[in-house]
Amino acid sequence: MIIKDRDPAEHRDNDDFARSGAKAEQQMSHYLRRAFADDREVLVLHDLRLEVEDGTKEALQIDHLVIH
């Protein structure tokens, strides 16, 4: 089951490296959707952003999180 879809607006495309990364994420998102979209035992979250709340404005992003 897809819990959080991939948001193309969250991805930079201002250089070749960023475009290649966004394309790879899009492909993986496609394969995960094909494999798990209807599976109630598997949860998929795309583009999960976690921010530190200590005033440092640090954050991390998980491209694809699969929970089984």
Protein backbone atom coordinates (compact mmCIF):
# COMPACT_ATOMS: atom_id res chain seq x y z
CA MET A 1 0.00 0.00 0.00
CA ILE A 2 1.40 3.40 -0.95
CA ILE A 3 1.04 5.68 2.07
CA LYS A 4 2.88 8.75 0.79
CA ASP A 5 3.35 9.30 -2.93
CA ARG A 6 6.46 10.78 -4.47
CA ASP A 7 6.20 14.53 -5.00
CA PRO A 8 8.08 15.63 -8.15
CA ALA A 9 7.97 19.24 -6.95
CA GLU A 10 10.29 18.32 -4.06
CA HIS A 11 13.17 17.52 -6.41
CA ARG A 12 15.74 19.88 -7.82
CA ASP A 13 16.57 19.61 -11.52
CA ASN A 14 19.12 22.39 -11.83
CA ASP A 15 22.06 20.15 -12.78
CA ASP A 16 22.81 16.80 -14.42
CA PHE A 17 23.49 15.07 -11.09
CA ALA A 18 20.15 16.19 -9.61
CA ARG A 19 18.26 15.21 -12.78
CA SER A 20 19.85 11.75 -12.76
CA GLY A 21 18.96 11.28 -9.10
CA ALA A 22 15.36 12.40 -9.64
CA LYS A 23 15.02 10.01 -12.59
CA ALA A 24 16.35 7.09 -10.54
CA GLU A 25 13.92 7.92 -7.71
CA GLN A 26 11.05 8.08 -10.19
CA GLN A 27 11.97 4.66 -11.59
CA MET A 28 12.19 3.08 -8.13
CA SER A 29 8.86 4.67 -7.20
CA HIS A 30 7.32 3.06 -10.28
CA TYR A 31 8.66 -0.41 -9.40
CA LEU A 32 7.56 -0.13 -5.76
CA ARG A 33 4.07 0.91 -6.86
CA ARG A 34 3.83 -2.07 -9.22
CA ALA A 35 4.99 -4.46 -6.52
CA PHE A 36 3.17 -3.17 -3.45
CA ALA A 37 0.29 -0.83 -4.38
CA ASP A 38 -2.37 -3.37 -3.38
CA ASP A 39 -0.43 -5.19 -0.66
CA ARG A 40 -1.93 -4.45 2.76
CA GLU A 41 1.09 -5.98 4.55
CA VAL A 42 3.61 -3.59 2.98
CA LEU A 43 3.62 0.17 3.52
CA VAL A 44 5.60 2.43 1.20
CA LEU A 45 6.42 6.07 1.92
CA HIS A 46 8.21 8.23 -0.65
CA ASP A 47 10.14 11.44 0.05
CA LEU A 48 9.90 11.30 3.81
CA ARG A 49 11.54 14.39 5.34
CA LEU A 50 12.57 14.45 8.98
CA GLU A 51 13.64 17.71 10.62
CA VAL A 52 15.59 18.21 13.82
CA GLU A 53 13.69 20.46 16.20
CA ASP A 54 16.67 21.89 18.05
CA GLY A 55 16.94 25.13 16.09
CA THR A 56 19.73 23.91 13.80
CA LYS A 57 17.42 23.48 10.78
CA GLU A 58 19.05 20.12 10.07
CA ALA A 59 17.01 17.61 8.13
CA LEU A 60 17.27 14.32 6.34
CA GLN A 61 15.24 12.81 3.56
CA ILE A 62 14.44 9.17 2.97
CA ASP A 63 13.66 8.60 -0.70
CA HIS A 64 11.74 5.34 -0.24
CA LEU A 65 10.83 3.70 3.04
CA VAL A 66 9.32 0.20 2.85
CA ILE A 67 7.73 -1.14 6.02
CA HIS A 68 6.76 -4.80 6.20
